[in-house]
Amino acid sequence: GLPALTMQAVADRVGVRAPSLYKRVRSRDDLVRLIATTVAHELGDQLEALVSRAGAAADAQAQLAELAHAVRAFAHARPDEYRLVFAPTCEATRPEPEALTHSVGPLLRITTELAGPDSALDAARTVTAWATGFIGMELAGAFRLGGDIDRAYEFGITRLAAALASIPAGPA
């Protein structure tokens, strides 16, 4: 996990001395920022590929559900890296803005189609807040009332997509 990520551990892993690593990476925060930026790019690439495979004729509500499921699968497969992108962090370790822009591009295109250009950013923020909140609780084991978590996620994203699709065109 992130607490075990030290400059010395990275230097050992790549087979260099720690002082040599500092010639390329200024600090641990800089290292975390570089990793978070890479992860945001990788997630963006995965989401771009998913949306591209679906094609322009794909139903936007179905695309939104697929995208949300892909983000959830990413979080389960790579929870520490997921948290680098989506968990609150200090300014010095946040992913570069261009990486975040890249990772949100597919979602913004879908929310533009669903909610219209005037509401696309608000819609994307709503989807992101819902999905990251749900995923964060799931990863933390916070759903303790029983029931089918997969079904709950499907219920939420399906209802959210339908709600966004019902937004009338024009300013919010």
N, C-alpha and C. Protein backbone atom coordinates (compact mmCIF):
# COMPACT_ATOMS: atom_id res chain seq x y z
N GLY A 1 0.80 -1.19 0.00
CA GLY A 1 0.00 0.00 0.00
C GLY A 1 0.85 1.26 0.00
N LEU A 2 0.18 2.37 0.00
CA LEU A 2 0.85 3.67 -0.07
C LEU A 2 1.80 3.93 1.10
N PRO A 3 1.47 3.54 2.33
CA PRO A 3 2.42 3.78 3.42
C PRO A 3 3.77 3.09 3.22
N ALA A 4 3.77 1.97 2.51
CA ALA A 4 5.02 1.23 2.27
C ALA A 4 5.83 1.80 1.10
N LEU A 5 5.24 2.75 0.39
CA LEU A 5 5.93 3.34 -0.76
C LEU A 5 6.94 4.37 -0.26
N THR A 6 8.20 4.01 -0.32
CA THR A 6 9.27 4.92 0.08
C THR A 6 10.25 5.05 -1.07
N MET A 7 11.02 6.09 -1.04
CA MET A 7 12.04 6.27 -2.08
C MET A 7 13.03 5.11 -2.03
N GLN A 8 13.39 4.67 -0.82
CA GLN A 8 14.32 3.56 -0.68
C GLN A 8 13.74 2.27 -1.27
N ALA A 9 12.45 2.01 -1.00
CA ALA A 9 11.82 0.80 -1.52
C ALA A 9 11.79 0.81 -3.05
N VAL A 10 11.50 1.97 -3.63
CA VAL A 10 11.49 2.08 -5.10
C VAL A 10 12.90 1.90 -5.65
N ALA A 11 13.87 2.54 -5.02
CA ALA A 11 15.26 2.40 -5.47
C ALA A 11 15.69 0.93 -5.42
N ASP A 12 15.36 0.25 -4.34
CA ASP A 12 15.69 -1.18 -4.23
C ASP A 12 15.01 -1.98 -5.34
N ARG A 13 13.76 -1.67 -5.58
CA ARG A 13 12.98 -2.42 -6.58
C ARG A 13 13.53 -2.26 -7.99
N VAL A 14 13.97 -1.05 -8.33
CA VAL A 14 14.48 -0.81 -9.69
C VAL A 14 15.99 -1.01 -9.78
N GLY A 15 16.61 -1.33 -8.66
CA GLY A 15 18.03 -1.67 -8.69
C GLY A 15 18.99 -0.50 -8.76
N VAL A 16 18.59 0.61 -8.14
CA VAL A 16 19.50 1.76 -8.07
C VAL A 16 19.63 2.18 -6.61
N ARG A 17 20.58 3.04 -6.35
CA ARG A 17 20.72 3.59 -5.01
C ARG A 17 19.75 4.76 -4.86
N ALA A 18 19.25 4.94 -3.65
CA ALA A 18 18.27 6.00 -3.40
C ALA A 18 18.75 7.38 -3.86
N PRO A 19 20.02 7.77 -3.63
CA PRO A 19 20.45 9.08 -4.11
C PRO A 19 20.30 9.23 -5.64
N SER A 20 20.49 8.14 -6.37
CA SER A 20 20.31 8.20 -7.83
C SER A 20 18.85 8.46 -8.19
N LEU A 21 17.95 7.87 -7.42
CA LEU A 21 16.52 8.08 -7.67
C LEU A 21 16.15 9.55 -7.47
N TYR A 22 16.75 10.18 -6.46
CA TYR A 22 16.45 11.58 -6.18
C TYR A 22 16.89 12.51 -7.32
N LYS A 23 17.75 12.04 -8.19
CA LYS A 23 18.14 12.85 -9.35
C LYS A 23 16.99 12.94 -10.35
N ARG A 24 16.12 11.95 -10.33
CA ARG A 24 15.00 11.89 -11.28
C ARG A 24 13.66 12.30 -10.65
N VAL A 25 13.51 12.02 -9.36
CA VAL A 25 12.27 12.29 -8.65
C VAL A 25 12.62 13.09 -7.39
N ARG A 26 12.06 14.28 -7.26
CA ARG A 26 12.45 15.20 -6.18
C ARG A 26 12.13 14.70 -4.78
N SER A 27 10.97 14.03 -4.62
CA SER A 27 10.52 13.66 -3.28
C SER A 27 9.52 12.51 -3.35
N ARG A 28 9.16 12.00 -2.21
CA ARG A 28 8.14 10.96 -2.16
C ARG A 28 6.82 11.49 -2.70
N ASP A 29 6.45 12.72 -2.33
CA ASP A 29 5.22 13.32 -2.86
C ASP A 29 5.24 13.37 -4.38
N ASP A 30 6.38 13.74 -4.94
CA ASP A 30 6.53 13.80 -6.39
C ASP A 30 6.36 12.40 -6.99
N LEU A 31 6.91 11.40 -6.33
CA LEU A 31 6.78 10.02 -6.78
C LEU A 31 5.30 9.59 -6.77
N VAL A 32 4.61 9.89 -5.69
CA VAL A 32 3.19 9.55 -5.59
C VAL A 32 2.39 10.27 -6.67
N ARG A 33 2.71 11.55 -6.91
CA ARG A 33 2.02 12.31 -7.96
C ARG A 33 2.24 11.68 -9.33
N LEU A 34 3.47 11.26 -9.61
CA LEU A 34 3.77 10.62 -10.89
C LEU A 34 3.00 9.31 -11.05
N ILE A 35 2.93 8.53 -9.98
CA ILE A 35 2.17 7.28 -10.03
C ILE A 35 0.69 7.57 -10.23
N ALA A 36 0.15 8.51 -9.48
CA ALA A 36 -1.27 8.86 -9.59
C ALA A 36 -1.60 9.36 -10.99
N THR A 37 -0.70 10.14 -11.58
CA THR A 37 -0.90 10.63 -12.94
C THR A 37 -0.93 9.48 -13.93
N THR A 38 -0.01 8.54 -13.77
CA THR A 38 0.03 7.36 -14.65
C THR A 38 -1.25 6.54 -14.51
N VAL A 39 -1.69 6.35 -13.28
CA VAL A 39 -2.92 5.58 -13.03
C VAL A 39 -4.12 6.27 -13.66
N ALA A 40 -4.23 7.59 -13.52
CA ALA A 40 -5.34 8.33 -14.13
C ALA A 40 -5.32 8.18 -15.64
N HIS A 41 -4.14 8.23 -16.25
CA HIS A 41 -4.03 8.01 -17.70
C HIS A 41 -4.46 6.61 -18.08
N GLU A 42 -4.01 5.61 -17.31
CA GLU A 42 -4.37 4.22 -17.61
C GLU A 42 -5.88 4.01 -17.51
N LEU A 43 -6.50 4.56 -16.47
CA LEU A 43 -7.94 4.45 -16.33
C LEU A 43 -8.64 5.14 -17.49
N GLY A 44 -8.17 6.33 -17.85
CA GLY A 44 -8.74 7.04 -18.99
C GLY A 44 -8.64 6.24 -20.28
N ASP A 45 -7.49 5.60 -20.49
CA ASP A 45 -7.31 4.76 -21.68
C ASP A 45 -8.30 3.61 -21.69
N GLN A 46 -8.49 2.97 -20.54
CA GLN A 46 -9.45 1.86 -20.45
C GLN A 46 -10.87 2.33 -20.75
N LEU A 47 -11.24 3.48 -20.20
CA LEU A 47 -12.59 3.99 -20.42
C LEU A 47 -12.79 4.45 -21.86
N GLU A 48 -11.75 5.06 -22.44
CA GLU A 48 -11.82 5.44 -23.86
C GLU A 48 -12.03 4.21 -24.74
N ALA A 49 -11.28 3.15 -24.47
CA ALA A 49 -11.40 1.91 -25.25
C ALA A 49 -12.80 1.32 -25.11
N LEU A 50 -13.34 1.35 -23.92
CA LEU A 50 -14.67 0.82 -23.67
C LEU A 50 -15.72 1.58 -24.48
N VAL A 51 -15.66 2.90 -24.43
CA VAL A 51 -16.63 3.73 -25.15
C VAL A 51 -16.43 3.60 -26.66
N SER A 52 -15.19 3.51 -27.11
CA SER A 52 -14.91 3.36 -28.54
C SER A 52 -15.45 2.04 -29.07
N ARG A 53 -15.30 0.96 -28.30
CA ARG A 53 -15.82 -0.35 -28.72
C ARG A 53 -17.33 -0.31 -28.88
N ALA A 54 -18.00 0.44 -28.01
CA ALA A 54 -19.46 0.51 -28.06
C ALA A 54 -19.93 1.24 -29.31
N GLY A 55 -19.16 2.22 -29.76
CA GLY A 55 -19.49 2.95 -30.98
C GLY A 55 -20.49 4.06 -30.74
N ALA A 56 -20.63 4.89 -31.75
CA ALA A 56 -21.48 6.08 -31.66
C ALA A 56 -22.96 5.74 -31.54
N ALA A 57 -23.36 4.58 -32.05
CA ALA A 57 -24.77 4.21 -32.04
C ALA A 57 -25.22 3.61 -30.71
N ALA A 58 -24.30 3.40 -29.79
CA ALA A 58 -24.63 2.76 -28.52
C ALA A 58 -25.54 3.64 -27.68
N ASP A 59 -26.42 3.00 -26.93
CA ASP A 59 -27.32 3.68 -26.03
C ASP A 59 -26.52 4.33 -24.90
N ALA A 60 -26.72 5.63 -24.68
CA ALA A 60 -25.93 6.37 -23.69
C ALA A 60 -26.17 5.86 -22.27
N GLN A 61 -27.39 5.47 -21.95
CA GLN A 61 -27.64 4.94 -20.61
C GLN A 61 -26.88 3.64 -20.38
N ALA A 62 -26.87 2.78 -21.39
CA ALA A 62 -26.13 1.52 -21.28
C ALA A 62 -24.63 1.80 -21.20
N GLN A 63 -24.16 2.78 -21.97
CA GLN A 63 -22.74 3.14 -21.93
C GLN A 63 -22.35 3.65 -20.55
N LEU A 64 -23.21 4.46 -19.94
CA LEU A 64 -22.92 4.97 -18.60
C LEU A 64 -22.81 3.82 -17.60
N ALA A 65 -23.71 2.87 -17.70
CA ALA A 65 -23.66 1.72 -16.79
C ALA A 65 -22.37 0.92 -17.02
N GLU A 66 -22.01 0.70 -18.27
CA GLU A 66 -20.77 -0.03 -18.57
C GLU A 66 -19.55 0.70 -18.01
N LEU A 67 -19.53 2.01 -18.20
CA LEU A 67 -18.41 2.81 -17.70
C LEU A 67 -18.33 2.72 -16.17
N ALA A 68 -19.47 2.83 -15.51
CA ALA A 68 -19.49 2.74 -14.04
C ALA A 68 -19.02 1.37 -13.57
N HIS A 69 -19.41 0.33 -14.28
CA HIS A 69 -18.97 -1.02 -13.92
C HIS A 69 -17.46 -1.18 -14.16
N ALA A 70 -16.95 -0.55 -15.20
CA ALA A 70 -15.51 -0.62 -15.48
C ALA A 70 -14.71 0.08 -14.39
N VAL A 71 -15.18 1.22 -13.92
CA VAL A 71 -14.50 1.93 -12.83
C VAL A 71 -14.52 1.07 -11.56
N ARG A 72 -15.64 0.45 -11.30
CA ARG A 72 -15.75 -0.42 -10.11
C ARG A 72 -14.80 -1.61 -10.22
N ALA A 73 -14.73 -2.22 -11.40
CA ALA A 73 -13.82 -3.35 -11.60
C ALA A 73 -12.37 -2.91 -11.41
N PHE A 74 -12.04 -1.73 -11.92
CA PHE A 74 -10.69 -1.17 -11.75
C PHE A 74 -10.39 -1.00 -10.26
N ALA A 75 -11.35 -0.46 -9.52
CA ALA A 75 -11.16 -0.24 -8.08
C ALA A 75 -10.93 -1.54 -7.33
N HIS A 76 -11.64 -2.57 -7.72
CA HIS A 76 -11.47 -3.86 -7.05
C HIS A 76 -10.14 -4.52 -7.43
N ALA A 77 -9.74 -4.36 -8.67
CA ALA A 77 -8.49 -4.97 -9.13
C ALA A 77 -7.27 -4.22 -8.61
N ARG A 78 -7.39 -2.90 -8.45
CA ARG A 78 -6.25 -2.07 -8.08
C ARG A 78 -6.66 -1.03 -7.03
N PRO A 79 -7.08 -1.46 -5.85
CA PRO A 79 -7.65 -0.53 -4.87
C PRO A 79 -6.71 0.59 -4.44
N ASP A 80 -5.44 0.29 -4.24
CA ASP A 80 -4.51 1.34 -3.81
C ASP A 80 -4.34 2.39 -4.90
N GLU A 81 -4.24 1.94 -6.14
CA GLU A 81 -4.09 2.88 -7.24
C GLU A 81 -5.38 3.67 -7.47
N TYR A 82 -6.51 3.02 -7.33
CA TYR A 82 -7.80 3.69 -7.45
C TYR A 82 -7.87 4.85 -6.44
N ARG A 83 -7.45 4.58 -5.22
CA ARG A 83 -7.49 5.61 -4.18
C ARG A 83 -6.56 6.78 -4.50
N LEU A 84 -5.46 6.52 -5.19
CA LEU A 84 -4.56 7.63 -5.57
C LEU A 84 -5.28 8.64 -6.46
N VAL A 85 -6.22 8.17 -7.25
CA VAL A 85 -6.94 9.06 -8.17
C VAL A 85 -8.18 9.65 -7.51
N PHE A 86 -8.91 8.86 -6.73
CA PHE A 86 -10.23 9.28 -6.26
C PHE A 86 -10.33 9.67 -4.79
N ALA A 87 -9.34 9.36 -3.98
CA ALA A 87 -9.42 9.71 -2.56
C ALA A 87 -8.85 11.10 -2.33
N PRO A 88 -9.34 11.80 -1.30
CA PRO A 88 -8.77 13.11 -1.00
C PRO A 88 -7.28 12.98 -0.69
N THR A 89 -6.52 13.91 -1.17
CA THR A 89 -5.07 13.87 -0.99
C THR A 89 -4.54 15.30 -0.95
N CYS A 90 -3.30 15.44 -0.58
CA CYS A 90 -2.71 16.78 -0.56
C CYS A 90 -2.39 17.23 -1.99
N GLU A 91 -2.27 18.50 -2.15
CA GLU A 91 -2.01 19.09 -3.48
C GLU A 91 -0.79 18.48 -4.15
N ALA A 92 0.26 18.22 -3.39
CA ALA A 92 1.52 17.74 -3.95
C ALA A 92 1.43 16.34 -4.55
N THR A 93 0.43 15.56 -4.15
CA THR A 93 0.35 14.18 -4.65
C THR A 93 -0.81 13.96 -5.62
N ARG A 94 -1.56 15.00 -5.92
CA ARG A 94 -2.69 14.86 -6.85
C ARG A 94 -2.19 14.58 -8.27
N PRO A 95 -2.96 13.80 -9.02
CA PRO A 95 -2.59 13.58 -10.43
C PRO A 95 -2.58 14.91 -11.19
N GLU A 96 -1.78 14.96 -12.23
CA GLU A 96 -1.73 16.16 -13.08
C GLU A 96 -3.12 16.42 -13.67
N PRO A 97 -3.51 17.69 -13.79
CA PRO A 97 -4.84 18.01 -14.33
C PRO A 97 -5.12 17.40 -15.70
N GLU A 98 -4.12 17.36 -16.57
CA GLU A 98 -4.35 16.80 -17.91
C GLU A 98 -4.68 15.32 -17.83
N ALA A 99 -4.15 14.60 -16.86
CA ALA A 99 -4.47 13.18 -16.69
C ALA A 99 -5.91 13.02 -16.21
N LEU A 100 -6.34 13.89 -15.32
CA LEU A 100 -7.72 13.85 -14.85
C LEU A 100 -8.68 14.21 -15.97
N THR A 101 -8.32 15.20 -16.77
CA THR A 101 -9.15 15.57 -17.92
C THR A 101 -9.29 14.40 -18.87
N HIS A 102 -8.19 13.70 -19.11
CA HIS A 102 -8.21 12.53 -19.99
C HIS A 102 -9.12 11.44 -19.41
N SER A 103 -9.01 11.20 -18.12
CA SER A 103 -9.78 10.11 -17.52
C SER A 103 -11.28 10.40 -17.46
N VAL A 104 -11.67 11.66 -17.43
CA VAL A 104 -13.09 12.01 -17.35
C VAL A 104 -13.70 12.24 -18.74
N GLY A 105 -12.89 12.29 -19.78
CA GLY A 105 -13.39 12.55 -21.13
C GLY A 105 -14.54 11.65 -21.56
N PRO A 106 -14.40 10.33 -21.44
CA PRO A 106 -15.50 9.45 -21.85
C PRO A 106 -16.79 9.71 -21.07
N LEU A 107 -16.68 9.95 -19.78
CA LEU A 107 -17.86 10.23 -18.97
C LEU A 107 -18.53 11.52 -19.43
N LEU A 108 -17.75 12.55 -19.70
CA LEU A 108 -18.32 13.82 -20.15
C LEU A 108 -19.04 13.68 -21.48
N ARG A 109 -18.51 12.87 -22.38
CA ARG A 109 -19.20 12.66 -23.66
C ARG A 109 -20.55 11.96 -23.44
N ILE A 110 -20.56 10.99 -22.54
CA ILE A 110 -21.81 10.28 -22.26
C ILE A 110 -22.81 11.19 -21.56
N THR A 111 -22.36 11.96 -20.57
CA THR A 111 -23.29 12.84 -19.87
C THR A 111 -23.77 13.98 -20.76
N THR A 112 -22.96 14.39 -21.72
CA THR A 112 -23.41 15.38 -22.69
C THR A 112 -24.57 14.82 -23.50
N GLU A 113 -24.44 13.57 -23.91
CA GLU A 113 -25.52 12.94 -24.67
C GLU A 113 -26.77 12.75 -23.81
N LEU A 114 -26.58 12.37 -22.57
CA LEU A 114 -27.72 12.11 -21.69
C LEU A 114 -28.41 13.38 -21.21
N ALA A 115 -27.63 14.33 -20.72
CA ALA A 115 -28.19 15.49 -20.03
C ALA A 115 -28.09 16.79 -20.82
N GLY A 116 -27.39 16.75 -21.95
CA GLY A 116 -27.20 17.95 -22.74
C GLY A 116 -25.93 18.68 -22.34
N PRO A 117 -25.42 19.52 -23.25
CA PRO A 117 -24.14 20.19 -23.00
C PRO A 117 -24.17 21.14 -21.80
N ASP A 118 -25.31 21.75 -21.52
CA ASP A 118 -25.38 22.69 -20.40
C ASP A 118 -25.32 22.00 -19.04
N SER A 119 -25.70 20.74 -19.00
CA SER A 119 -25.73 20.01 -17.73
C SER A 119 -24.69 18.89 -17.65
N ALA A 120 -23.87 18.75 -18.68
CA ALA A 120 -22.94 17.61 -18.76
C ALA A 120 -21.95 17.56 -17.59
N LEU A 121 -21.36 18.69 -17.24
CA LEU A 121 -20.37 18.68 -16.15
C LEU A 121 -21.04 18.38 -14.81
N ASP A 122 -22.19 18.99 -14.57
CA ASP A 122 -22.92 18.69 -13.33
C ASP A 122 -23.30 17.21 -13.28
N ALA A 123 -23.73 16.67 -14.40
CA ALA A 123 -24.10 15.25 -14.46
C ALA A 123 -22.89 14.36 -14.22
N ALA A 124 -21.76 14.71 -14.82
CA ALA A 124 -20.53 13.92 -14.63
C ALA A 124 -20.09 13.95 -13.17
N ARG A 125 -20.20 15.11 -12.55
CA ARG A 125 -19.84 15.21 -11.13
C ARG A 125 -20.79 14.39 -10.25
N THR A 126 -22.06 14.38 -10.60
CA THR A 126 -23.03 13.59 -9.85
C THR A 126 -22.72 12.10 -9.96
N VAL A 127 -22.46 11.64 -11.17
CA VAL A 127 -22.13 10.23 -11.39
C VAL A 127 -20.85 9.87 -10.64
N THR A 128 -19.84 10.73 -10.75
CA THR A 128 -18.56 10.46 -10.08
C THR A 128 -18.74 10.40 -8.57
N ALA A 129 -19.48 11.35 -8.02
CA ALA A 129 -19.71 11.36 -6.57
C ALA A 129 -20.45 10.10 -6.13
N TRP A 130 -21.48 9.72 -6.87
CA TRP A 130 -22.23 8.51 -6.50
C TRP A 130 -21.34 7.27 -6.60
N ALA A 131 -20.67 7.11 -7.74
CA ALA A 131 -19.86 5.89 -7.95
C ALA A 131 -18.70 5.80 -6.96
N THR A 132 -17.98 6.90 -6.77
CA THR A 132 -16.84 6.83 -5.85
C THR A 132 -17.29 6.65 -4.41
N GLY A 133 -18.42 7.24 -4.05
CA GLY A 133 -18.95 7.02 -2.71
C GLY A 133 -19.34 5.57 -2.50
N PHE A 134 -20.03 5.00 -3.46
CA PHE A 134 -20.44 3.60 -3.36
C PHE A 134 -19.22 2.70 -3.31
N ILE A 135 -18.30 2.90 -4.24
CA ILE A 135 -17.10 2.06 -4.31
C ILE A 135 -16.25 2.21 -3.05
N GLY A 136 -16.10 3.43 -2.57
CA GLY A 136 -15.33 3.65 -1.35
C GLY A 136 -15.93 2.92 -0.16
N MET A 137 -17.25 2.97 -0.03
CA MET A 137 -17.91 2.24 1.05
C MET A 137 -17.73 0.73 0.87
N GLU A 138 -17.84 0.28 -0.36
CA GLU A 138 -17.68 -1.14 -0.64
C GLU A 138 -16.27 -1.62 -0.29
N LEU A 139 -15.27 -0.87 -0.72
CA LEU A 139 -13.88 -1.26 -0.44
C LEU A 139 -13.58 -1.24 1.06
N ALA A 140 -14.26 -0.37 1.78
CA ALA A 140 -14.06 -0.26 3.23
C ALA A 140 -14.89 -1.27 4.02
N GLY A 141 -15.71 -2.05 3.32
CA GLY A 141 -16.57 -3.02 4.00
C GLY A 141 -17.69 -2.36 4.79
N ALA A 142 -18.14 -1.20 4.33
CA ALA A 142 -19.12 -0.42 5.08
C ALA A 142 -20.58 -0.82 4.81
N PHE A 143 -20.84 -1.68 3.85
CA PHE A 143 -22.20 -2.16 3.62
C PHE A 143 -22.43 -3.38 4.51
N ARG A 144 -23.07 -3.16 5.65
CA ARG A 144 -23.17 -4.21 6.67
C ARG A 144 -24.60 -4.70 6.89
N LEU A 145 -25.53 -4.28 6.06
CA LEU A 145 -26.92 -4.67 6.27
C LEU A 145 -27.32 -5.90 5.46
N GLY A 146 -26.35 -6.53 4.81
CA GLY A 146 -26.66 -7.69 3.99
C GLY A 146 -27.16 -7.27 2.62
N GLY A 147 -27.71 -8.20 1.91
CA GLY A 147 -28.22 -7.90 0.57
C GLY A 147 -27.14 -8.06 -0.48
N ASP A 148 -27.55 -7.92 -1.70
CA ASP A 148 -26.69 -8.12 -2.86
C ASP A 148 -26.07 -6.78 -3.27
N ILE A 149 -24.80 -6.61 -3.02
CA ILE A 149 -24.10 -5.35 -3.32
C ILE A 149 -24.06 -5.11 -4.83
N ASP A 150 -23.84 -6.16 -5.61
CA ASP A 150 -23.83 -6.01 -7.07
C ASP A 150 -25.18 -5.48 -7.56
N ARG A 151 -26.25 -6.04 -7.03
CA ARG A 151 -27.59 -5.61 -7.43
C ARG A 151 -27.82 -4.15 -7.02
N ALA A 152 -27.34 -3.77 -5.86
CA ALA A 152 -27.49 -2.39 -5.41
C ALA A 152 -26.74 -1.42 -6.33
N TYR A 153 -25.54 -1.82 -6.75
CA TYR A 153 -24.76 -0.96 -7.66
C TYR A 153 -25.50 -0.82 -8.99
N GLU A 154 -26.00 -1.93 -9.50
CA GLU A 154 -26.75 -1.90 -10.77
C GLU A 154 -28.00 -1.03 -10.62
N PHE A 155 -28.70 -1.18 -9.52
CA PHE A 155 -29.89 -0.38 -9.25
C PHE A 155 -29.53 1.11 -9.29
N GLY A 156 -28.47 1.48 -8.59
CA GLY A 156 -28.08 2.88 -8.50
C GLY A 156 -27.70 3.48 -9.84
N ILE A 157 -26.85 2.79 -10.58
CA ILE A 157 -26.37 3.38 -11.84
C ILE A 157 -27.49 3.40 -12.89
N THR A 158 -28.36 2.39 -12.87
CA THR A 158 -29.48 2.37 -13.81
C THR A 158 -30.43 3.53 -13.54
N ARG A 159 -30.74 3.77 -12.26
CA ARG A 159 -31.64 4.87 -11.91
C ARG A 159 -30.99 6.22 -12.18
N LEU A 160 -29.72 6.32 -11.91
CA LEU A 160 -29.01 7.57 -12.16
C LEU A 160 -28.98 7.89 -13.66
N ALA A 161 -28.69 6.88 -14.48
CA ALA A 161 -28.67 7.09 -15.94
C ALA A 161 -30.05 7.51 -16.44
N ALA A 162 -31.09 6.87 -15.95
CA ALA A 162 -32.45 7.23 -16.37
C ALA A 162 -32.79 8.65 -15.95
N ALA A 163 -32.39 9.03 -14.75
CA ALA A 163 -32.65 10.40 -14.28
C ALA A 163 -31.93 11.42 -15.15
N LEU A 164 -30.68 11.15 -15.49
CA LEU A 164 -29.92 12.08 -16.33
C LEU A 164 -30.54 12.19 -17.72
N ALA A 165 -31.04 11.08 -18.24
CA ALA A 165 -31.66 11.09 -19.57
C ALA A 165 -32.96 11.88 -19.58
N SER A 166 -33.58 12.07 -18.42
CA SER A 166 -34.86 12.77 -18.37
C SER A 166 -34.70 14.28 -18.19
N ILE A 167 -33.47 14.76 -18.11
CA ILE A 167 -33.23 16.20 -17.93
C ILE A 167 -33.60 16.93 -19.22
N PRO A 168 -34.47 17.93 -19.14
CA PRO A 168 -34.81 18.68 -20.35
C PRO A 168 -33.61 19.46 -20.88
N ALA A 169 -33.57 19.64 -22.17
CA ALA A 169 -32.47 20.41 -22.78
C ALA A 169 -32.52 21.85 -22.29
N GLY A 170 -31.36 22.46 -22.22
CA GLY A 170 -31.29 23.86 -21.81
C GLY A 170 -30.55 24.01 -20.50
N PRO A 171 -30.37 25.25 -20.04
CA PRO A 171 -29.63 25.51 -18.80
C PRO A 171 -30.30 24.86 -17.60
N ALA A 172 -29.48 24.46 -16.65
CA ALA A 172 -30.01 23.82 -15.43
C ALA A 172 -30.62 24.84 -14.52
